Protein backbone atom coordinates (compact mmCIF):
# COMPACT_ATOMS: atom_id res chain seq x y z
CA THR A 1 82.31 113.42 92.29
CA PHE A 2 81.91 117.09 92.95
CA VAL A 3 85.34 118.02 91.52
CA ALA A 4 84.33 115.83 88.14
CA PHE A 5 81.11 118.16 88.35
CA LEU A 6 83.21 121.35 87.90
CA LYS A 7 85.79 120.15 85.53
CA LYS A 8 82.79 119.18 83.38
CA TYR A 9 81.78 123.15 83.35
CA ASP A 10 85.67 123.64 82.88
CA VAL A 11 86.42 125.11 86.30
CA GLN A 12 89.23 125.48 87.76
CA VAL A 13 90.05 122.93 90.91
CA VAL A 14 92.95 123.50 93.18
CA LEU A 15 94.14 121.91 96.20
CA VAL A 16 95.84 123.78 98.82
CA ALA A 17 98.09 121.32 100.78
CA PRO A 18 96.76 121.11 104.55
CA GLN A 19 100.81 121.48 105.79
CA HIS A 20 100.84 125.26 104.38
CA VAL A 21 97.15 125.60 105.99
CA LYS A 22 98.87 124.63 109.64
CA HIS A 23 102.00 126.44 109.22
CA SER A 24 100.55 129.81 107.63
CA LYS A 25 97.44 129.82 110.33
CA GLU A 26 99.29 131.67 112.73
CA MET A 27 100.46 134.80 110.57
CA ASP A 28 97.79 136.71 111.04
CA ASP A 29 96.82 136.36 114.74
CA ASN A 30 100.08 134.82 116.04
CA THR A 31 97.74 132.37 117.70
CA GLN A 32 97.61 128.21 117.41
CA GLU A 33 93.67 128.86 117.51
CA LYS A 34 92.16 126.74 114.79
CA ASP A 35 88.53 126.55 113.74
CA ASP A 36 85.86 126.34 110.76
CA ARG A 37 85.84 130.26 110.24
CA LYS A 38 89.74 130.32 110.72
CA ASP A 39 90.49 127.76 107.82
CA PRO A 40 88.65 128.95 104.64
CA ILE A 41 90.48 132.65 105.20
CA VAL A 42 93.69 130.83 105.14
CA ILE A 43 93.07 129.07 102.25
CA ALA A 44 91.28 131.83 100.16
CA ARG A 45 94.54 134.38 100.98
CA LEU A 46 97.27 130.84 100.26
CA VAL A 47 95.23 130.63 96.21
CA PRO A 48 95.72 134.43 95.07
CA GLU A 49 99.30 133.88 96.01
CA GLY A 50 100.00 131.07 93.72
CA ARG A 51 100.27 128.44 96.64
CA TYR A 52 98.23 125.39 95.74
CA LEU A 53 98.19 122.10 93.50
CA ILE A 54 96.37 121.56 90.32
CA PRO A 55 94.93 117.54 91.47
CA TYR A 56 95.32 115.26 89.11
CA ILE A 57 91.91 113.53 88.01
CA PRO A 58 92.82 109.95 86.38
CA GLU A 59 90.59 109.53 83.16
CA ASP A 60 89.39 106.32 81.37
CA VAL A 61 91.54 103.42 82.15
CA TYR A 62 93.24 104.99 84.63
CA ALA A 63 90.64 106.01 86.49
CA GLU A 64 89.12 102.33 86.61
CA LEU A 65 92.79 100.94 87.52
CA ARG A 66 93.21 103.13 90.21
CA ALA A 67 89.50 102.43 91.48
CA ALA A 68 90.26 98.48 91.25
CA PHE A 69 93.86 98.87 92.88
CA ASN A 70 92.13 100.82 95.66
CA ARG A 71 89.61 98.31 96.06
CA ARG A 72 92.19 95.63 96.48
CA CYS A 73 93.58 97.26 99.19
CA GLU A 74 90.77 97.49 100.80
CA LEU A 75 89.70 93.79 100.50
CA VAL A 76 93.46 93.11 101.52
CA GLU A 77 93.17 94.99 104.94
CA GLU A 78 89.72 92.69 105.42
CA GLN A 79 91.50 89.62 104.75
CA VAL A 80 94.08 90.63 107.26
CA GLN A 81 91.75 91.57 109.67
CA ILE A 82 89.74 88.03 109.37
CA VAL A 83 93.28 86.48 109.73
CA ASN A 84 93.62 88.33 113.08
CA ARG A 85 90.22 87.31 114.13
CA MET A 86 90.81 83.55 113.32
CA THR A 87 94.28 83.70 115.37
CA ARG A 88 92.40 85.04 118.28
CA TRP A 89 89.57 81.95 118.08
CA PHE A 90 93.03 79.45 117.70
CA ASP A 91 94.50 81.00 120.33
CA ILE A 92 91.34 80.13 122.94
CA TYR A 93 90.31 77.08 121.11
CA PHE A 94 92.39 74.98 119.48
CA PRO A 95 96.23 76.68 119.89
CA GLU A 96 97.84 73.60 118.93
CA TYR A 97 96.32 73.80 115.29
CA ARG A 98 99.23 76.34 114.35
CA LYS A 99 101.97 73.77 115.37
CA VAL A 100 100.48 71.49 112.31
CA TYR A 101 99.97 74.52 109.71
CA GLY A 102 102.12 77.33 109.51
CA ARG A 103 99.45 79.17 107.90
CA ILE A 104 96.06 79.94 109.37
CA ASP A 105 94.36 79.62 106.16
CA ALA A 106 95.95 76.54 104.52
CA LYS A 107 93.87 75.17 102.10
CA THR A 108 93.82 71.31 103.76
CA GLY A 109 93.30 72.99 107.21
CA ILE A 110 90.38 75.09 106.35
CA ILE A 111 88.27 71.76 104.65
CA ILE A 112 88.96 69.95 108.01
CA LEU A 113 87.77 72.99 110.16
CA LYS A 114 84.38 72.85 107.72
CA LYS A 115 83.85 69.80 108.98
CA ALA A 116 85.45 69.69 112.83
CA PRO A 117 86.33 72.97 114.17
CA LEU A 118 87.13 71.82 117.44
CA PRO A 119 89.31 69.58 118.67
CA ALA A 120 86.54 67.05 120.27
CA ASP A 121 85.49 67.14 116.93
CA ILE A 122 88.69 65.88 115.23
CA LEU A 123 88.92 63.47 117.86
CA CYS A 124 85.24 62.35 116.54
CA ILE A 125 86.35 61.78 113.10
CA GLY A 126 89.96 60.06 113.96
CA VAL A 127 92.60 60.00 111.51
CA ASP A 128 90.73 57.95 108.79
CA GLY A 129 87.65 60.45 108.90
CA ILE A 130 90.15 63.43 108.08
CA ARG A 131 91.69 61.41 105.28
CA GLN A 132 88.47 60.56 104.00
CA ILE A 133 87.38 64.59 103.88
CA TRP A 134 90.51 65.23 101.86
CA LYS A 135 89.87 62.44 99.86
CA ASP A 136 85.88 63.75 98.90
CA ALA A 137 87.74 67.14 98.53
CA LYS A 138 90.13 65.27 95.82
CA ILE A 139 93.03 67.00 97.71
CA ARG A 140 96.13 65.17 97.09
CA GLY A 141 99.67 64.72 98.34
CA TYR A 142 98.47 64.65 102.34
CA GLY A 143 98.29 61.18 103.83
CA PRO A 144 98.38 59.70 107.25
CA LYS A 145 101.56 61.68 108.48
CA LYS A 146 99.70 64.78 108.28
CA ALA A 147 96.43 63.61 109.21
CA LYS A 148 98.26 61.86 112.31
CA GLN A 149 99.94 65.03 113.41
CA LEU A 150 96.46 67.26 113.42
CA PHE A 151 95.09 64.42 115.58
CA ALA A 152 97.42 64.04 117.96
CA ALA A 153 97.33 68.28 118.38
CA ALA A 154 93.61 67.73 118.75
CA GLU A 155 94.01 64.57 121.57
CA HIS A 156 96.77 66.98 123.62
CA SER A 157 94.91 70.36 122.77
CA VAL A 158 94.91 72.52 125.57
CA GLY A 159 92.24 74.57 124.41
CA MET A 160 89.02 75.83 125.63
CA GLU A 161 85.91 73.46 125.95
CA GLY A 162 83.54 74.76 122.73
CA CYS A 163 79.66 74.93 121.82
CA THR A 164 77.81 74.96 118.67
CA SER A 165 78.05 79.05 118.96
CA VAL A 166 81.99 78.65 119.11
CA ARG A 167 81.41 76.20 115.90
CA TRP A 168 79.16 79.15 113.89
CA ASN A 169 82.17 81.93 114.76
CA LEU A 170 84.80 80.29 112.99
CA TRP A 171 82.50 78.78 110.00
CA GLN A 172 81.85 82.19 109.60
CA LEU A 173 85.29 83.60 109.28
CA LEU A 174 85.87 80.94 106.94
CA GLU A 175 83.46 82.19 104.97
CA GLU A 176 84.06 85.85 105.26
CA TYR A 177 87.81 84.85 104.66
CA GLU A 178 86.48 82.65 101.42
CA LEU A 179 84.63 85.42 99.99
CA VAL A 180 87.33 87.85 100.31
CA GLU A 181 89.86 85.30 98.68
CA LYS A 182 87.16 85.23 95.88
CA GLN A 183 86.71 88.94 95.35
CA LEU A 184 90.64 89.37 95.28
CA ASN A 185 90.64 87.09 92.43
CA ASP A 186 88.08 88.81 90.34
CA ILE A 187 89.38 92.40 90.98
CA LEU A 188 92.98 90.64 89.83
CA GLN A 189 91.54 89.69 86.66
CA LEU A 190 89.68 93.41 86.37
CA ILE A 191 93.21 94.87 86.98
CA GLU A 192 95.04 92.69 85.01
CA GLY A 193 92.10 94.00 81.94
CA CYS A 194 93.25 97.58 82.54
CA LEU A 195 97.10 96.69 82.30
CA ASN A 196 96.59 95.28 79.14
CA GLN A 197 95.13 98.33 77.81
CA ILE A 198 97.89 100.40 79.19
CA PRO A 199 100.79 101.26 76.72
CA GLY A 200 104.04 99.85 77.91
CA ALA A 201 102.51 98.04 81.18
CA ASP A 202 103.61 94.52 79.57
CA LYS A 203 107.23 96.07 78.90
CA LEU A 204 107.36 96.68 82.94
CA LEU A 205 105.91 93.42 83.96
CA LYS A 206 108.98 91.67 81.82
CA VAL A 207 111.34 93.32 84.67
CA PRO A 208 112.73 90.67 87.17
CA GLY A 209 111.11 91.57 90.32
CA ALA A 210 108.30 93.54 89.20
CA GLY A 211 104.79 91.67 89.17
CA LEU A 212 101.37 92.23 88.51
CA VAL A 213 100.20 93.99 91.92
CA THR A 214 103.14 96.34 91.83
CA VAL A 215 103.11 97.32 87.96
CA ALA A 216 99.36 98.12 88.50
CA GLY A 217 99.74 100.00 91.76
CA PHE A 218 102.90 101.94 90.19
CA LEU A 219 100.72 102.97 87.00
CA SER A 220 97.53 103.38 89.17
CA GLU A 221 99.24 105.95 91.37
CA VAL A 222 101.19 108.16 88.35
CA GLY A 223 98.33 107.64 85.83
CA ASP A 224 99.36 109.13 82.58
CA ILE A 225 102.87 108.95 81.98
CA LYS A 226 102.34 112.15 79.68
CA ARG A 227 102.17 114.49 81.99
CA PHE A 228 105.38 114.28 83.77
CA SER A 229 108.40 115.72 81.91
CA ASP A 230 110.97 114.64 84.32
CA PRO A 231 111.43 111.55 86.76
CA LYS A 232 112.37 113.21 89.68
CA GLN A 233 108.56 114.55 89.27
CA ILE A 234 107.71 111.00 90.53
CA GLN A 235 110.16 110.81 93.02
CA LYS A 236 108.61 114.23 94.26
CA LEU A 237 105.18 113.25 93.89
CA ALA A 238 106.20 109.50 96.04
CA GLY A 239 107.56 111.54 98.45
CA LEU A 240 111.21 110.41 97.57
CA ALA A 241 112.26 113.62 96.97
CA VAL A 242 115.33 114.10 99.25
CA VAL A 243 115.44 117.56 101.32
CA GLU A 244 118.02 119.05 103.89
CA ASN A 245 117.74 120.49 107.49
CA SER A 246 120.34 122.47 108.17
CA SER A 247 120.69 125.58 109.96
CA GLY A 248 123.91 128.06 110.73
CA LYS A 249 126.56 125.87 111.95
CA ARG A 250 124.32 122.71 112.20
CA LYS A 251 124.71 120.14 109.00
CA GLY A 252 121.30 118.25 109.63
CA LEU A 253 121.30 114.47 107.67
CA PRO A 254 119.18 114.38 104.54
CA GLY A 255 116.07 112.11 104.47
CA ILE A 256 113.15 111.54 101.81
CA SER A 257 110.16 114.56 102.66
CA LYS A 258 107.68 111.87 102.51
CA ARG A 259 105.17 114.59 100.83
CA GLY A 260 103.07 113.15 98.58
CA ARG A 261 101.17 109.82 97.16
CA SER A 262 102.42 107.24 100.37
CA ARG A 263 100.56 104.48 98.46
CA LEU A 264 103.10 105.48 95.08
CA ARG A 265 105.86 105.47 97.96
CA TRP A 266 105.01 102.47 99.13
CA VAL A 267 104.53 100.62 95.77
CA LEU A 268 108.57 101.53 95.08
CA PHE A 269 109.42 100.37 98.18
CA GLN A 270 107.58 96.70 97.56
CA LEU A 271 109.41 97.00 94.14
CA ALA A 272 112.77 97.59 95.60
CA ARG A 273 112.37 94.77 98.24
CA SER A 274 111.31 92.87 94.91
CA MET A 275 114.01 93.72 92.92
CA VAL A 276 116.71 93.17 95.54
CA MET A 277 115.83 89.50 95.68
CA PHE A 278 115.03 88.67 92.27
CA ASN A 279 116.54 91.38 89.96
CA PRO A 280 120.58 90.89 89.29
CA GLU A 281 121.29 94.74 88.43
CA MET A 282 119.19 95.89 91.46
CA LYS A 283 120.69 93.50 93.56
CA ALA A 284 124.15 94.82 92.75
CA TYR A 285 123.06 98.10 93.24
CA HIS A 286 121.64 97.23 96.77
CA GLN A 287 125.22 95.33 96.99
CA TYR A 288 127.43 98.71 96.38
CA TYR A 289 125.33 101.08 97.93
CA THR A 290 125.92 99.22 101.33
CA THR A 291 129.50 98.49 101.23
CA ARG A 292 131.26 100.86 99.26
CA LYS A 293 134.05 103.07 101.42
CA ASP A 294 132.62 106.38 100.71
CA ASN A 295 129.46 106.90 102.44
CA PRO A 296 127.84 103.76 102.90
CA LEU A 297 124.06 103.30 103.36
CA LYS A 298 122.52 101.51 105.74
CA LYS A 299 119.83 98.48 104.14
CA LEU A 300 116.55 100.79 104.57
CA GLN A 301 118.23 103.68 102.73
CA SER A 302 119.52 101.49 99.75
CA LEU A 303 116.39 100.26 99.13
CA ILE A 304 115.03 103.70 99.51
CA ALA A 305 117.93 105.01 96.48
CA ILE A 306 116.80 101.85 94.66
CA ALA A 307 112.93 102.95 94.88
CA ALA A 308 113.79 106.48 93.32
CA ARG A 309 115.80 104.68 90.54
CA ILE A 310 113.24 102.46 89.78
CA ALA A 311 110.78 105.12 89.20
CA ARG A 312 113.44 106.46 86.88
CA ILE A 313 113.38 103.26 85.25
CA PHE A 314 110.01 102.94 84.67
CA TYR A 315 109.56 106.69 83.56
CA GLY A 316 112.02 105.82 80.68
CA MET A 317 110.54 102.63 79.48
CA LEU A 318 106.90 104.35 79.30
CA LYS A 319 107.93 107.21 78.03
CA ASN A 320 110.29 105.84 75.56
CA GLY A 321 108.19 102.79 74.90
CA THR A 322 111.73 100.61 75.13
CA GLU A 323 112.19 97.42 77.21
CA TYR A 324 114.17 96.67 80.21
CA ASP A 325 117.58 97.11 78.80
CA PRO A 326 120.32 95.31 82.02
CA THR A 327 123.24 96.91 80.13
CA MET A 328 121.47 100.69 80.33
CA VAL A 329 120.63 100.13 83.86
CA MET A 330 124.27 99.01 84.94
CA LYS A 331 125.68 102.24 83.51
CA ASP A 332 126.16 104.44 86.46
CA PHE A 333 126.62 101.24 88.31
CA ASN A 334 129.41 100.76 86.16
CA LYS A 335 130.87 104.34 86.45
CA ALA A 336 130.49 104.45 90.34
CA VAL A 337 132.31 101.65 90.09
CA ALA A 338 135.44 102.57 88.14
CA ALA A 339 135.51 105.86 89.64
């Protein structure tokens, strides 16, 4: 990129926040006018005043991890789009299929759809034909009961009659889905290889409730932990810093800033959701936050507070190279309960 080119020649690159430009563009002419001539002038005046940020450009394994994780996010979005298109196809031509299979992308169902996509095709091959397809594919655990359910669904289907082009439409969707599924598996292997090169990543993976994807997402967004001197910097980067909106006698409710890297905020929130279910310590914190007598939090507020706590825990583990210690995690909890 152009930034990497400038950095190569020791040119300092800074970033002016869009919010700063938006809120200061009226200071000169007192108008809401915005165009390509005015914006550069506003930005040029903000830089000498020191109202800029120095962007972090990840390098080495952190750069590779961020690129791989970003690609995974793109593939997940593509997969969701394909599933939505498949859902539309079934709603039109075979709506009963979704009653037989809770998931549209069920493996045994996809195997049948490759041979017999329409209800009429399933009626042609019959129950024995369905079981034979599973047998040829070496699928175990699915006997005559499931085959009869699928046959009955096709027999009583209210979907529109299809044709060759309709079959091809579904087959192409299935091919796209399987391609994306393969690419996701490949990119996960690349992500796992990157994590193996990052000091402390193996310790994060051992934390109850943390997984490969969430740990990779955290490290891809945060980068080298050495660039931070305080865990609150990570909270601010994720937009989890608490801000107050008050004026005069009006006392506004505090909330999170939502300024920073939205994907990091999403990853920490997913970690909070997972840990509340599978991590005894975070589960205890969630129970305490939502049931305490003074200032009880709503469930969403509690998850946000836990997300910020997870950021601090991960920071300490990476900075000090320590393992996850439930006793240290519960230290604040015990103090709060005792008080």
